[in-house]
Structure formats: C-alpha cells, structure tokens
Amino acid sequence: MNHFVYILYSPIKDTYYIGETSDLENRLHWHNSDEFKSAYSKITNDWTIFFSFVCKDIIQARKIEKHIKSMKSKAYLQNLNKYPELSKKLIERFS
C-alpha cells in the first residue's frame, strides 16, 4: 500500500506541519476538524496541503518524515516544493 509524506501549511499561523499517511484527503480533514486533540496541528484549522509525495510503504514514509522534521527549516520545506528533484532524491536515499 502506498503512503504519502505530506507538508501542510497554515496561512493564519504561517507555520508548517509534516506527517505521513495512507489517505491524504482524509488526514487533511482530520487535521482541520480537531480529530487530533494532542497533535501540534490542533493550533489552527486552516491547514492546506503545501506539498506531498508518494512513498512505497509506511516504513519509507516514516523515515523520510523523520528526516524532514530533523531539518527544522522552513527553507528546506519550501525547497522541497520548489525543486521536485529533492523529493526524488529522498525516495532514492530511503529506499
């Protein structure tokens, strides 16, 4: 089953959220409807999908999610969106 790594953006808070899921549309709905009571994403309900890409499985998706979070950089997130080849390199690196 395919998994997605996704980056959400909140215009109100000007912040990003990084996650992984097998159902991107449903997960976006959950983030915007207080489904996750203790998650960072509860700070707002205006999340939009900023960027996402498909991984081969949950293991790869979690490794890439962890890597992206470890970068702690808005510029890195914006570059992932701006330069699609970066996500391809992540897929290759964490295969």
PDB file of N, CA and C in Angstrom:
ATOM      1  N   MET A   1       0.841  -1.188   0.000  1.00  0.00           N
ATOM      2  CA  MET A   1       0.000   0.000   0.000  1.00  0.00           C
ATOM      3  C   MET A   1       0.885   1.249   0.000  1.00  0.00           C
ATOM      4  N   ASN A   2       0.574   2.189  -0.866  1.00  0.00           N
ATOM      5  CA  ASN A   2       1.324   3.442  -0.918  1.00  0.00           C
ATOM      6  C   ASN A   2       1.072   4.286   0.317  1.00  0.00           C
ATOM      7  N   HIS A   3       2.068   5.044   0.667  1.00  0.00           N
ATOM      8  CA  HIS A   3       1.968   6.013   1.748  1.00  0.00           C
ATOM      9  C   HIS A   3       2.429   7.362   1.221  1.00  0.00           C
ATOM     10  N   PHE A   4       1.948   8.407   1.843  1.00  0.00           N
ATOM     11  CA  PHE A   4       2.338   9.758   1.473  1.00  0.00           C
ATOM     12  C   PHE A   4       3.111  10.411   2.608  1.00  0.00           C
ATOM     13  N   VAL A   5       4.100  11.187   2.264  1.00  0.00           N
ATOM     14  CA  VAL A   5       4.672  12.164   3.175  1.00  0.00           C
ATOM     15  C   VAL A   5       4.047  13.475   2.749  1.00  0.00           C
ATOM     16  N   TYR A   6       3.574  14.245   3.719  1.00  0.00           N
ATOM     17  CA  TYR A   6       2.894  15.488   3.368  1.00  0.00           C
ATOM     18  C   TYR A   6       3.368  16.633   4.240  1.00  0.00           C
ATOM     19  N   ILE A   7       3.265  17.809   3.685  1.00  0.00           N
ATOM     20  CA  ILE A   7       3.560  19.041   4.413  1.00  0.00           C
ATOM     21  C   ILE A   7       2.317  19.907   4.301  1.00  0.00           C
ATOM     22  N   LEU A   8       1.780  20.273   5.448  1.00  0.00           N
ATOM     23  CA  LEU A   8       0.622  21.162   5.495  1.00  0.00           C
ATOM     24  C   LEU A   8       1.108  22.563   5.824  1.00  0.00           C
ATOM     25  N   TYR A   9       0.335  23.548   5.383  1.00  0.00           N
ATOM     26  CA  TYR A   9       0.667  24.945   5.679  1.00  0.00           C
ATOM     27  C   TYR A   9      -0.566  25.647   6.227  1.00  0.00           C
ATOM     28  N   SER A  10      -0.351  26.460   7.242  1.00  0.00           N
ATOM     29  CA  SER A  10      -1.413  27.287   7.812  1.00  0.00           C
ATOM     30  C   SER A  10      -1.118  28.751   7.539  1.00  0.00           C
ATOM     31  N   PRO A  11      -1.923  29.404   6.692  1.00  0.00           N
ATOM     32  CA  PRO A  11      -1.713  30.835   6.437  1.00  0.00           C
ATOM     33  C   PRO A  11      -1.926  31.691   7.690  1.00  0.00           C
ATOM     34  N   ILE A  12      -2.879  31.309   8.534  1.00  0.00           N
ATOM     35  CA  ILE A  12      -3.156  32.096   9.736  1.00  0.00           C
ATOM     36  C   ILE A  12      -1.948  32.090  10.677  1.00  0.00           C
ATOM     37  N   LYS A  13      -1.360  30.942  10.897  1.00  0.00           N
ATOM     38  CA  LYS A  13      -0.228  30.808  11.823  1.00  0.00           C
ATOM     39  C   LYS A  13       1.123  30.919  11.121  1.00  0.00           C
ATOM     40  N   ASP A  14       1.118  30.923   9.792  1.00  0.00           N
ATOM     41  CA  ASP A  14       2.343  30.935   8.993  1.00  0.00           C
ATOM     42  C   ASP A  14       3.305  29.845   9.486  1.00  0.00           C
ATOM     43  N   THR A  15       2.787  28.634   9.541  1.00  0.00           N
ATOM     44  CA  THR A  15       3.589  27.510  10.018  1.00  0.00           C
ATOM     45  C   THR A  15       3.295  26.267   9.193  1.00  0.00           C
ATOM     46  N   TYR A  16       4.174  25.291   9.341  1.00  0.00           N
ATOM     47  CA  TYR A  16       4.063  24.051   8.586  1.00  0.00           C
ATOM     48  C   TYR A  16       3.893  22.872   9.540  1.00  0.00           C
ATOM     49  N   TYR A  17       3.321  21.803   8.991  1.00  0.00           N
ATOM     50  CA  TYR A  17       3.191  20.546   9.725  1.00  0.00           C
ATOM     51  C   TYR A  17       3.599  19.426   8.775  1.00  0.00           C
ATOM     52  N   ILE A  18       4.425  18.509   9.245  1.00  0.00           N
ATOM     53  CA  ILE A  18       4.912  17.399   8.429  1.00  0.00           C
ATOM     54  C   ILE A  18       4.339  16.097   8.979  1.00  0.00           C
ATOM     55  N   GLY A  19       3.848  15.239   8.083  1.00  0.00           N
ATOM     56  CA  GLY A  19       3.297  13.970   8.522  1.00  0.00           C
ATOM     57  C   GLY A  19       3.363  12.922   7.429  1.00  0.00           C
ATOM     58  N   GLU A  20       2.843  11.738   7.750  1.00  0.00           N
ATOM     59  CA  GLU A  20       2.733  10.648   6.766  1.00  0.00           C
ATOM     60  C   GLU A  20       1.384   9.971   6.956  1.00  0.00           C
ATOM     61  N   THR A  21       0.854   9.453   5.866  1.00  0.00           N
ATOM     62  CA  THR A  21      -0.463   8.816   5.903  1.00  0.00           C
ATOM     63  C   THR A  21      -0.657   7.946   4.668  1.00  0.00           C
ATOM     64  N   SER A  22      -1.666   7.094   4.724  1.00  0.00           N
ATOM     65  CA  SER A  22      -2.060   6.330   3.536  1.00  0.00           C
ATOM     66  C   SER A  22      -3.284   6.958   2.873  1.00  0.00           C
ATOM     67  N   ASP A  23      -3.891   7.944   3.520  1.00  0.00           N
ATOM     68  CA  ASP A  23      -5.099   8.597   2.995  1.00  0.00           C
ATOM     69  C   ASP A  23      -4.983  10.111   3.200  1.00  0.00           C
ATOM     70  N   LEU A  24      -4.424  10.774   2.234  1.00  0.00           N
ATOM     71  CA  LEU A  24      -4.081  12.188   2.362  1.00  0.00           C
ATOM     72  C   LEU A  24      -5.298  13.095   2.552  1.00  0.00           C
ATOM     73  N   GLU A  25      -6.332  12.896   1.769  1.00  0.00           N
ATOM     74  CA  GLU A  25      -7.515  13.763   1.881  1.00  0.00           C
ATOM     75  C   GLU A  25      -8.201  13.599   3.238  1.00  0.00           C
ATOM     76  N   ASN A  26      -8.325  12.378   3.692  1.00  0.00           N
ATOM     77  CA  ASN A  26      -8.937  12.126   4.991  1.00  0.00           C
ATOM     78  C   ASN A  26      -8.085  12.719   6.114  1.00  0.00           C
ATOM     79  N   ARG A  27      -6.778  12.566   6.001  1.00  0.00           N
ATOM     80  CA  ARG A  27      -5.883  13.104   7.030  1.00  0.00           C
ATOM     81  C   ARG A  27      -5.975  14.625   7.086  1.00  0.00           C
ATOM     82  N   LEU A  28      -6.059  15.294   5.951  1.00  0.00           N
ATOM     83  CA  LEU A  28      -6.226  16.751   5.942  1.00  0.00           C
ATOM     84  C   LEU A  28      -7.514  17.138   6.656  1.00  0.00           C
ATOM     85  N   HIS A  29      -8.580  16.411   6.377  1.00  0.00           N
ATOM     86  CA  HIS A  29      -9.855  16.670   7.055  1.00  0.00           C
ATOM     87  C   HIS A  29      -9.705  16.518   8.568  1.00  0.00           C
ATOM     88  N   TRP A  30      -9.014  15.476   8.999  1.00  0.00           N
ATOM     89  CA  TRP A  30      -8.815  15.248  10.437  1.00  0.00           C
ATOM     90  C   TRP A  30      -8.042  16.402  11.082  1.00  0.00           C
ATOM     91  N   HIS A  31      -7.003  16.873  10.402  1.00  0.00           N
ATOM     92  CA  HIS A  31      -6.210  17.980  10.956  1.00  0.00           C
ATOM     93  C   HIS A  31      -7.047  19.252  11.096  1.00  0.00           C
ATOM     94  N   ASN A  32      -7.973  19.459  10.191  1.00  0.00           N
ATOM     95  CA  ASN A  32      -8.785  20.675  10.215  1.00  0.00           C
ATOM     96  C   ASN A  32     -10.050  20.556  11.064  1.00  0.00           C
ATOM     97  N   SER A  33     -10.307  19.382  11.620  1.00  0.00           N
ATOM     98  CA  SER A  33     -11.551  19.197  12.377  1.00  0.00           C
ATOM     99  C   SER A  33     -11.309  18.737  13.819  1.00  0.00           C
ATOM    100  N   ASP A  34     -10.165  19.046  14.379  1.00  0.00           N
ATOM    101  CA  ASP A  34      -9.846  18.708  15.776  1.00  0.00           C
ATOM    102  C   ASP A  34      -9.883  17.217  16.077  1.00  0.00           C
ATOM    103  N   GLU A  35      -9.675  16.386  15.083  1.00  0.00           N
ATOM    104  CA  GLU A  35      -9.631  14.935  15.295  1.00  0.00           C
ATOM    105  C   GLU A  35      -8.423  14.556  16.163  1.00  0.00           C
ATOM    106  N   PHE A  36      -7.322  15.297  15.977  1.00  0.00           N
ATOM    107  CA  PHE A  36      -6.100  15.033  16.728  1.00  0.00           C
ATOM    108  C   PHE A  36      -6.004  16.008  17.893  1.00  0.00           C
ATOM    109  N   LYS A  37      -6.524  15.621  19.034  1.00  0.00           N
ATOM    110  CA  LYS A  37      -6.629  16.506  20.196  1.00  0.00           C
ATOM    111  C   LYS A  37      -5.278  16.936  20.772  1.00  0.00           C
ATOM    112  N   SER A  38      -4.267  16.071  20.684  1.00  0.00           N
ATOM    113  CA  SER A  38      -2.988  16.401  21.298  1.00  0.00           C
ATOM    114  C   SER A  38      -1.880  16.683  20.282  1.00  0.00           C
ATOM    115  N   ALA A  39      -2.202  16.743  19.020  1.00  0.00           N
ATOM    116  CA  ALA A  39      -1.202  16.991  17.989  1.00  0.00           C
ATOM    117  C   ALA A  39      -0.911  18.482  17.846  1.00  0.00           C
ATOM    118  N   TYR A  40       0.268  18.779  17.352  1.00  0.00           N
ATOM    119  CA  TYR A  40       0.643  20.163  17.091  1.00  0.00           C
ATOM    120  C   TYR A  40      -0.364  20.840  16.164  1.00  0.00           C
ATOM    121  N   SER A  41      -0.939  20.090  15.254  1.00  0.00           N
ATOM    122  CA  SER A  41      -1.838  20.665  14.248  1.00  0.00           C
ATOM    123  C   SER A  41      -3.133  21.219  14.825  1.00  0.00           C
ATOM    124  N   LYS A  42      -3.410  20.965  16.102  1.00  0.00           N
ATOM    125  CA  LYS A  42      -4.644  21.481  16.707  1.00  0.00           C
ATOM    126  C   LYS A  42      -4.619  23.006  16.876  1.00  0.00           C
ATOM    127  N   ILE A  43      -3.464  23.642  16.641  1.00  0.00           N
ATOM    128  CA  ILE A  43      -3.331  25.086  16.853  1.00  0.00           C
ATOM    129  C   ILE A  43      -4.186  25.917  15.904  1.00  0.00           C
ATOM    130  N   THR A  44      -4.643  25.306  14.817  1.00  0.00           N
ATOM    131  CA  THR A  44      -5.444  26.025  13.835  1.00  0.00           C
ATOM    132  C   THR A  44      -6.260  25.031  13.014  1.00  0.00           C
ATOM    133  N   ASN A  45      -7.172  25.536  12.209  1.00  0.00           N
ATOM    134  CA  ASN A  45      -7.978  24.636  11.367  1.00  0.00           C
ATOM    135  C   ASN A  45      -8.035  25.114   9.914  1.00  0.00           C
ATOM    136  N   ASP A  46      -6.982  25.791   9.493  1.00  0.00           N
ATOM    137  CA  ASP A  46      -6.927  26.278   8.109  1.00  0.00           C
ATOM    138  C   ASP A  46      -5.806  25.605   7.308  1.00  0.00           C
ATOM    139  N   TRP A  47      -5.455  24.381   7.675  1.00  0.00           N
ATOM    140  CA  TRP A  47      -4.369  23.673   7.006  1.00  0.00           C
ATOM    141  C   TRP A  47      -4.706  23.408   5.540  1.00  0.00           C
ATOM    142  N   THR A  48      -3.722  23.598   4.688  1.00  0.00           N
ATOM    143  CA  THR A  48      -3.824  23.228   3.278  1.00  0.00           C
ATOM    144  C   THR A  48      -2.624  22.356   2.939  1.00  0.00           C
ATOM    145  N   ILE A  49      -2.771  21.538   1.926  1.00  0.00           N
ATOM    146  CA  ILE A  49      -1.649  20.700   1.501  1.00  0.00           C
ATOM    147  C   ILE A  49      -0.670  21.584   0.745  1.00  0.00           C
ATOM    148  N   PHE A  50       0.509  21.744   1.314  1.00  0.00           N
ATOM    149  CA  PHE A  50       1.571  22.541   0.706  1.00  0.00           C
ATOM    150  C   PHE A  50       2.361  21.697  -0.280  1.00  0.00           C
ATOM    151  N   PHE A  51       2.612  20.439   0.121  1.00  0.00           N
ATOM    152  CA  PHE A  51       3.408  19.550  -0.716  1.00  0.00           C
ATOM    153  C   PHE A  51       3.190  18.114  -0.246  1.00  0.00           C
ATOM    154  N   SER A  52       3.208  17.180  -1.159  1.00  0.00           N
ATOM    155  CA  SER A  52       3.140  15.771  -0.796  1.00  0.00           C
ATOM    156  C   SER A  52       3.794  14.932  -1.879  1.00  0.00           C
ATOM    157  N   PHE A  53       4.220  13.740  -1.487  1.00  0.00           N
ATOM    158  CA  PHE A  53       4.721  12.794  -2.476  1.00  0.00           C
ATOM    159  C   PHE A  53       4.510  11.376  -1.980  1.00  0.00           C
ATOM    160  N   VAL A  54       4.489  10.460  -2.915  1.00  0.00           N
ATOM    161  CA  VAL A  54       4.173   9.061  -2.634  1.00  0.00           C
ATOM    162  C   VAL A  54       5.440   8.300  -2.275  1.00  0.00           C
ATOM    163  N   CYS A  55       5.317   7.475  -1.249  1.00  0.00           N
ATOM    164  CA  CYS A  55       6.382   6.554  -0.852  1.00  0.00           C
ATOM    165  C   CYS A  55       5.905   5.132  -1.112  1.00  0.00           C
ATOM    166  N   LYS A  56       6.848   4.187  -1.136  1.00  0.00           N
ATOM    167  CA  LYS A  56       6.460   2.807  -1.456  1.00  0.00           C
ATOM    168  C   LYS A  56       5.731   2.119  -0.315  1.00  0.00           C
ATOM    169  N   ASP A  57       6.028   2.531   0.936  1.00  0.00           N
ATOM    170  CA  ASP A  57       5.368   1.904   2.084  1.00  0.00           C
ATOM    171  C   ASP A  57       5.506   2.790   3.318  1.00  0.00           C
ATOM    172  N   ILE A  58       4.913   2.345   4.399  1.00  0.00           N
ATOM    173  CA  ILE A  58       4.899   3.140   5.637  1.00  0.00           C
ATOM    174  C   ILE A  58       6.300   3.291   6.225  1.00  0.00           C
ATOM    175  N   ILE A  59       7.140   2.302   6.080  1.00  0.00           N
ATOM    176  CA  ILE A  59       8.499   2.367   6.633  1.00  0.00           C
ATOM    177  C   ILE A  59       9.287   3.484   5.960  1.00  0.00           C
ATOM    178  N   GLN A  60       9.241   3.504   4.627  1.00  0.00           N
ATOM    179  CA  GLN A  60       9.937   4.554   3.895  1.00  0.00           C
ATOM    180  C   GLN A  60       9.354   5.922   4.240  1.00  0.00           C
ATOM    181  N   ALA A  61       8.040   6.024   4.308  1.00  0.00           N
ATOM    182  CA  ALA A  61       7.385   7.300   4.608  1.00  0.00           C
ATOM    183  C   ALA A  61       7.808   7.818   5.980  1.00  0.00           C
ATOM    184  N   ARG A  62       7.871   6.949   6.966  1.00  0.00           N
ATOM    185  CA  ARG A  62       8.253   7.382   8.319  1.00  0.00           C
ATOM    186  C   ARG A  62       9.713   7.816   8.383  1.00  0.00           C
ATOM    187  N   LYS A  63      10.578   7.148   7.659  1.00  0.00           N
ATOM    188  CA  LYS A  63      11.987   7.549   7.623  1.00  0.00           C
ATOM    189  C   LYS A  63      12.138   8.931   6.990  1.00  0.00           C
ATOM    190  N   ILE A  64      11.426   9.149   5.888  1.00  0.00           N
ATOM    191  CA  ILE A  64      11.513  10.440   5.210  1.00  0.00           C
ATOM    192  C   ILE A  64      10.879  11.533   6.064  1.00  0.00           C
ATOM    193  N   GLU A  65       9.741  11.234   6.681  1.00  0.00           N
ATOM    194  CA  GLU A  65       9.093  12.202   7.579  1.00  0.00           C
ATOM    195  C   GLU A  65      10.059  12.608   8.690  1.00  0.00           C
ATOM    196  N   LYS A  66      10.699  11.638   9.306  1.00  0.00           N
ATOM    197  CA  LYS A  66      11.645  11.917  10.394  1.00  0.00           C
ATOM    198  C   LYS A  66      12.804  12.783   9.894  1.00  0.00           C
ATOM    199  N   HIS A  67      13.315  12.467   8.711  1.00  0.00           N
ATOM    200  CA  HIS A  67      14.410  13.248   8.139  1.00  0.00           C
ATOM    201  C   HIS A  67      13.987  14.699   7.912  1.00  0.00           C
ATOM    202  N   ILE A  68      12.828  14.900   7.303  1.00  0.00           N
ATOM    203  CA  ILE A  68      12.353  16.256   7.016  1.00  0.00           C
ATOM    204  C   ILE A  68      12.170  17.038   8.319  1.00  0.00           C
ATOM    205  N   LYS A  69      11.572  16.412   9.322  1.00  0.00           N
ATOM    206  CA  LYS A  69      11.386  17.078  10.615  1.00  0.00           C
ATOM    207  C   LYS A  69      12.727  17.433  11.248  1.00  0.00           C
ATOM    208  N   SER A  70      13.718  16.576  11.083  1.00  0.00           N
ATOM    209  CA  SER A  70      15.030  16.826  11.687  1.00  0.00           C
ATOM    210  C   SER A  70      15.740  18.025  11.061  1.00  0.00           C
ATOM    211  N   MET A  71      15.349  18.403   9.870  1.00  0.00           N
ATOM    212  CA  MET A  71      15.973  19.551   9.202  1.00  0.00           C
ATOM    213  C   MET A  71      15.596  20.866   9.891  1.00  0.00           C
ATOM    214  N   LYS A  72      14.413  20.925  10.494  1.00  0.00           N
ATOM    215  CA  LYS A  72      13.945  22.109  11.234  1.00  0.00           C
ATOM    216  C   LYS A  72      14.174  23.399  10.451  1.00  0.00           C
ATOM    217  N   SER A  73      13.714  23.394   9.202  1.00  0.00           N
ATOM    218  CA  SER A  73      13.984  24.530   8.331  1.00  0.00           C
ATOM    219  C   SER A  73      12.810  24.802   7.398  1.00  0.00           C
ATOM    220  N   LYS A  74      12.244  26.003   7.492  1.00  0.00           N
ATOM    221  CA  LYS A  74      11.187  26.397   6.552  1.00  0.00           C
ATOM    222  C   LYS A  74      11.735  26.463   5.136  1.00  0.00           C
ATOM    223  N   ALA A  75      12.975  26.913   5.014  1.00  0.00           N
ATOM    224  CA  ALA A  75      13.590  26.997   3.681  1.00  0.00           C
ATOM    225  C   ALA A  75      13.683  25.613   3.043  1.00  0.00           C
ATOM    226  N   TYR A  76      14.007  24.600   3.842  1.00  0.00           N
ATOM    227  CA  TYR A  76      14.078  23.232   3.320  1.00  0.00           C
ATOM    228  C   TYR A  76      12.707  22.783   2.828  1.00  0.00           C
ATOM    229  N   LEU A  77      11.665  23.055   3.600  1.00  0.00           N
ATOM    230  CA  LEU A  77      10.306  22.690   3.200  1.00  0.00           C
ATOM    231  C   LEU A  77       9.916  23.393   1.908  1.00  0.00           C
ATOM    232  N   GLN A  78      10.231  24.663   1.816  1.00  0.00           N
ATOM    233  CA  GLN A  78       9.900  25.427   0.614  1.00  0.00           C
ATOM    234  C   GLN A  78      10.684  24.919  -0.590  1.00  0.00           C
ATOM    235  N   ASN A  79      11.929  24.505  -0.367  1.00  0.00           N
ATOM    236  CA  ASN A  79      12.729  23.962  -1.459  1.00  0.00           C
ATOM    237  C   ASN A  79      12.212  22.610  -1.928  1.00  0.00           C
ATOM    238  N   LEU A  80      11.678  21.799  -1.015  1.00  0.00           N
ATOM    239  CA  LEU A  80      11.067  20.533  -1.435  1.00  0.00           C
ATOM    240  C   LEU A  80       9.938  20.790  -2.423  1.00  0.00           C
ATOM    241  N   ASN A  81       9.170  21.831  -2.155  1.00  0.00           N
ATOM    242  CA  ASN A  81       8.056  22.189  -3.030  1.00  0.00           C
ATOM    243  C   ASN A  81       8.558  22.796  -4.342  1.00  0.00           C
ATOM    244  N   LYS A  82       9.583  23.603  -4.250  1.00  0.00           N
ATOM    245  CA  LYS A  82      10.100  24.326  -5.417  1.00  0.00           C
ATOM    246  C   LYS A  82      10.911  23.438  -6.362  1.00  0.00           C
ATOM    247  N   TYR A  83      11.624  22.467  -5.789  1.00  0.00           N
ATOM    248  CA  TYR A  83      12.507  21.595  -6.568  1.00  0.00           C
ATOM    249  C   TYR A  83      12.098  20.129  -6.391  1.00  0.00           C
ATOM    250  N   PRO A  84      11.222  19.631  -7.249  1.00  0.00           N
ATOM    251  CA  PRO A  84      10.711  18.257  -7.115  1.00  0.00           C
ATOM    252  C   PRO A  84      11.809  17.186  -7.101  1.00  0.00           C
ATOM    253  N   GLU A  85      12.951  17.491  -7.676  1.00  0.00           N
ATOM    254  CA  GLU A  85      14.036  16.502  -7.688  1.00  0.00           C
ATOM    255  C   GLU A  85      14.535  16.198  -6.275  1.00  0.00           C
ATOM    256  N   LEU A  86      14.334  17.103  -5.330  1.00  0.00           N
ATOM    257  CA  LEU A  86      14.733  16.840  -3.943  1.00  0.00           C
ATOM    258  C   LEU A  86      13.938  15.685  -3.341  1.00  0.00           C
ATOM    259  N   SER A  87      12.638  15.650  -3.610  1.00  0.00           N
ATOM    260  CA  SER A  87      11.839  14.539  -3.076  1.00  0.00           C
ATOM    261  C   SER A  87      12.234  13.226  -3.759  1.00  0.00           C
ATOM    262  N   LYS A  88      12.602  13.289  -5.024  1.00  0.00           N
ATOM    263  CA  LYS A  88      13.059  12.073  -5.716  1.00  0.00           C
ATOM    264  C   LYS A  88      14.335  11.552  -5.071  1.00  0.00           C
ATOM    265  N   LYS A  89      15.222  12.455  -4.677  1.00  0.00           N
ATOM    266  CA  LYS A  89      16.469  12.048  -4.015  1.00  0.00           C
ATOM    267  C   LYS A  89      16.176  11.431  -2.651  1.00  0.00           C
ATOM    268  N   LEU A  90      15.179  11.959  -1.943  1.00  0.00           N
ATOM    269  CA  LEU A  90      14.802  11.378  -0.657  1.00  0.00           C
ATOM    270  C   LEU A  90      14.253   9.963  -0.841  1.00  0.00           C
ATOM    271  N   ILE A  91      13.435   9.773  -1.863  1.00  0.00           N
ATOM    272  CA  ILE A  91      12.891   8.441  -2.163  1.00  0.00           C
ATOM    273  C   ILE A  91      14.036   7.465  -2.414  1.00  0.00           C
ATOM    274  N   GLU A  92      15.018   7.891  -3.214  1.00  0.00           N
ATOM    275  CA  GLU A  92      16.164   7.027  -3.505  1.00  0.00           C
ATOM    276  C   GLU A  92      16.993   6.762  -2.239  1.00  0.00           C
ATOM    277  N   ARG A  93      17.230   7.798  -1.463  1.00  0.00           N
ATOM    278  CA  ARG A  93      18.070   7.671  -0.261  1.00  0.00           C
ATOM    279  C   ARG A  93      17.469   6.721   0.768  1.00  0.00           C
ATOM    280  N   PHE A  94      16.149   6.756   0.903  1.00  0.00           N
ATOM    281  CA  PHE A  94      15.481   5.951   1.918  1.00  0.00           C
ATOM    282  C   PHE A  94      14.759   4.728   1.332  1.00  0.00           C
ATOM    283  N   SER A  95      15.262   4.220   0.207  1.00  0.00           N
ATOM    284  CA  SER A  95      14.679   3.013  -0.416  1.00  0.00           C
ATOM    285  C   SER A  95      15.078   1.769   0.328  1.00  0.00           C
TER     286      SER A  95
END
